[in-house]
Amino acid sequence: MDLLTYKELDTGPEAPEHPSLGYRAWHWLLSLSPTVVTFMVALSLGLGMVGAQVSWEPMLGLMAAFWALTVIAMAGVVARWMTPGRGRHRMAS
């Protein structure tokens, strides 16, 4: 899905009247730009390297939680790339 499709799902006629915080967070996480997801990957790897160096378990727990969010965001980016949207998959004429 592209970003416009997510906007239509959130604001269209079939959108829930009062979406829950989890629903809004899920759609926000899946609609992050590839640049933001790249920074998330870098930050989670940095947290993992620092946590491994200092052997501080809360840092490793923070890295694991952030890495889980990063994997979900990466799945959203890949799903948007794979689904056809406006202006995608055009054939050369």
C-alpha atoms as a PDB file:
ATOM      1  CA  MET A   1       0.000   0.000   0.000  1.00  0.00           C
ATOM      2  CA  ASP A   2       1.185   3.467  -0.694  1.00  0.00           C
ATOM      3  CA  LEU A   3       0.811   6.426   1.631  1.00  0.00           C
ATOM      4  CA  LEU A   4      -2.295   7.694  -0.163  1.00  0.00           C
ATOM      5  CA  THR A   5      -4.032   4.366   0.367  1.00  0.00           C
ATOM      6  CA  TYR A   6      -3.288   4.520   4.082  1.00  0.00           C
ATOM      7  CA  LYS A   7      -4.725   8.042   4.202  1.00  0.00           C
ATOM      8  CA  GLU A   8      -7.861   6.805   2.436  1.00  0.00           C
ATOM      9  CA  LEU A   9      -8.196   3.931   4.910  1.00  0.00           C
ATOM     10  CA  ASP A  10      -7.846   6.306   7.847  1.00  0.00           C
ATOM     11  CA  THR A  11     -10.126   9.059   6.543  1.00  0.00           C
ATOM     12  CA  GLY A  12     -12.401   7.368   3.996  1.00  0.00           C
ATOM     13  CA  PRO A  13     -16.024   6.323   4.459  1.00  0.00           C
ATOM     14  CA  GLU A  14     -15.051   2.887   5.782  1.00  0.00           C
ATOM     15  CA  ALA A  15     -12.668   4.282   8.411  1.00  0.00           C
ATOM     16  CA  PRO A  16     -13.585   3.638  12.029  1.00  0.00           C
ATOM     17  CA  GLU A  17     -15.157   6.616  13.771  1.00  0.00           C
ATOM     18  CA  HIS A  18     -12.934   6.482  16.856  1.00  0.00           C
ATOM     19  CA  PRO A  19      -9.788   4.473  16.076  1.00  0.00           C
ATOM     20  CA  SER A  20      -7.893   3.150  19.042  1.00  0.00           C
ATOM     21  CA  LEU A  21      -4.371   4.218  19.885  1.00  0.00           C
ATOM     22  CA  GLY A  22      -3.070   0.814  18.770  1.00  0.00           C
ATOM     23  CA  TYR A  23      -4.823   1.127  15.398  1.00  0.00           C
ATOM     24  CA  ARG A  24      -3.370   4.588  14.791  1.00  0.00           C
ATOM     25  CA  ALA A  25       0.113   3.484  15.948  1.00  0.00           C
ATOM     26  CA  TRP A  26      -0.003   0.434  13.656  1.00  0.00           C
ATOM     27  CA  HIS A  27      -0.891   2.543  10.603  1.00  0.00           C
ATOM     28  CA  TRP A  28       1.721   5.149  11.521  1.00  0.00           C
ATOM     29  CA  LEU A  29       4.418   2.487  11.907  1.00  0.00           C
ATOM     30  CA  LEU A  30       3.578   0.880   8.566  1.00  0.00           C
ATOM     31  CA  SER A  31       3.562   4.217   6.729  1.00  0.00           C
ATOM     32  CA  LEU A  32       7.035   5.450   7.718  1.00  0.00           C
ATOM     33  CA  SER A  33       9.299   6.587   4.904  1.00  0.00           C
ATOM     34  CA  PRO A  34      12.294   4.473   3.848  1.00  0.00           C
ATOM     35  CA  THR A  35      14.649   7.174   5.154  1.00  0.00           C
ATOM     36  CA  VAL A  36      13.167   6.949   8.655  1.00  0.00           C
ATOM     37  CA  VAL A  37      13.347   3.145   8.558  1.00  0.00           C
ATOM     38  CA  THR A  38      17.034   3.374   7.561  1.00  0.00           C
ATOM     39  CA  PHE A  39      17.710   5.561  10.591  1.00  0.00           C
ATOM     40  CA  MET A  40      15.773   3.088  12.751  1.00  0.00           C
ATOM     41  CA  VAL A  41      18.008   0.246  11.524  1.00  0.00           C
ATOM     42  CA  ALA A  42      21.136   2.285  12.265  1.00  0.00           C
ATOM     43  CA  LEU A  43      19.892   3.257  15.721  1.00  0.00           C
ATOM     44  CA  SER A  44      18.923  -0.277  16.685  1.00  0.00           C
ATOM     45  CA  LEU A  45      22.276  -1.658  15.523  1.00  0.00           C
ATOM     46  CA  GLY A  46      24.053   1.081  17.468  1.00  0.00           C
ATOM     47  CA  LEU A  47      22.038   0.285  20.586  1.00  0.00           C
ATOM     48  CA  GLY A  48      22.917  -3.387  20.163  1.00  0.00           C
ATOM     49  CA  MET A  49      26.620  -2.681  19.821  1.00  0.00           C
ATOM     50  CA  VAL A  50      26.661  -0.381  22.842  1.00  0.00           C
ATOM     51  CA  GLY A  51      24.625  -2.859  24.890  1.00  0.00           C
ATOM     52  CA  ALA A  52      26.994  -5.692  23.991  1.00  0.00           C
ATOM     53  CA  GLN A  53      30.042  -3.614  24.915  1.00  0.00           C
ATOM     54  CA  VAL A  54      28.770  -2.538  28.321  1.00  0.00           C
ATOM     55  CA  SER A  55      26.879  -5.811  29.033  1.00  0.00           C
ATOM     56  CA  TRP A  56      23.951  -3.827  30.367  1.00  0.00           C
ATOM     57  CA  GLU A  57      20.787  -5.906  30.035  1.00  0.00           C
ATOM     58  CA  PRO A  58      18.305  -2.984  30.007  1.00  0.00           C
ATOM     59  CA  MET A  59      20.145  -1.582  26.972  1.00  0.00           C
ATOM     60  CA  LEU A  60      19.849  -4.945  25.227  1.00  0.00           C
ATOM     61  CA  GLY A  61      16.139  -5.051  26.097  1.00  0.00           C
ATOM     62  CA  LEU A  62      15.667  -1.564  24.670  1.00  0.00           C
ATOM     63  CA  MET A  63      17.514  -2.604  21.524  1.00  0.00           C
ATOM     64  CA  ALA A  64      15.379  -5.731  21.171  1.00  0.00           C
ATOM     65  CA  ALA A  65      12.134  -3.767  21.509  1.00  0.00           C
ATOM     66  CA  PHE A  66      13.325  -1.112  19.063  1.00  0.00           C
ATOM     67  CA  TRP A  67      14.520  -3.797  16.662  1.00  0.00           C
ATOM     68  CA  ALA A  68      11.053  -5.399  16.719  1.00  0.00           C
ATOM     69  CA  LEU A  69       9.500  -2.049  15.753  1.00  0.00           C
ATOM     70  CA  THR A  70      12.149  -1.656  13.047  1.00  0.00           C
ATOM     71  CA  VAL A  71      11.353  -5.064  11.546  1.00  0.00           C
ATOM     72  CA  ILE A  72       7.637  -4.177  11.415  1.00  0.00           C
ATOM     73  CA  ALA A  73       8.459  -0.834   9.763  1.00  0.00           C
ATOM     74  CA  MET A  74      10.723  -2.594   7.239  1.00  0.00           C
ATOM     75  CA  ALA A  75       7.875  -4.984   6.408  1.00  0.00           C
ATOM     76  CA  GLY A  76       5.641  -1.959   5.788  1.00  0.00           C
ATOM     77  CA  VAL A  77       8.192  -0.400   3.430  1.00  0.00           C
ATOM     78  CA  VAL A  78       8.638  -3.660   1.518  1.00  0.00           C
ATOM     79  CA  ALA A  79       4.860  -4.124   1.298  1.00  0.00           C
ATOM     80  CA  ARG A  80       4.457  -0.619  -0.120  1.00  0.00           C
ATOM     81  CA  TRP A  81       7.201  -1.277  -2.669  1.00  0.00           C
ATOM     82  CA  MET A  82       5.649  -4.570  -3.753  1.00  0.00           C
ATOM     83  CA  THR A  83       2.065  -3.391  -4.149  1.00  0.00           C
ATOM     84  CA  PRO A  84       1.133  -1.440  -7.242  1.00  0.00           C
ATOM     85  CA  GLY A  85       0.258   2.159  -6.652  1.00  0.00           C
ATOM     86  CA  ARG A  86      -0.239   5.293  -8.645  1.00  0.00           C
ATOM     87  CA  GLY A  87       2.713   5.791 -11.007  1.00  0.00           C
ATOM     88  CA  ARG A  88       4.309   2.415 -10.280  1.00  0.00           C
ATOM     89  CA  HIS A  89       5.050  -0.438 -12.654  1.00  0.00           C
ATOM     90  CA  ARG A  90       4.748   1.705 -15.743  1.00  0.00           C
ATOM     91  CA  MET A  91       5.844   0.145 -18.980  1.00  0.00           C
ATOM     92  CA  ALA A  92       8.235   2.004 -21.267  1.00  0.00           C
ATOM     93  CA  SER A  93       6.489   3.137 -24.414  1.00  0.00           C
END
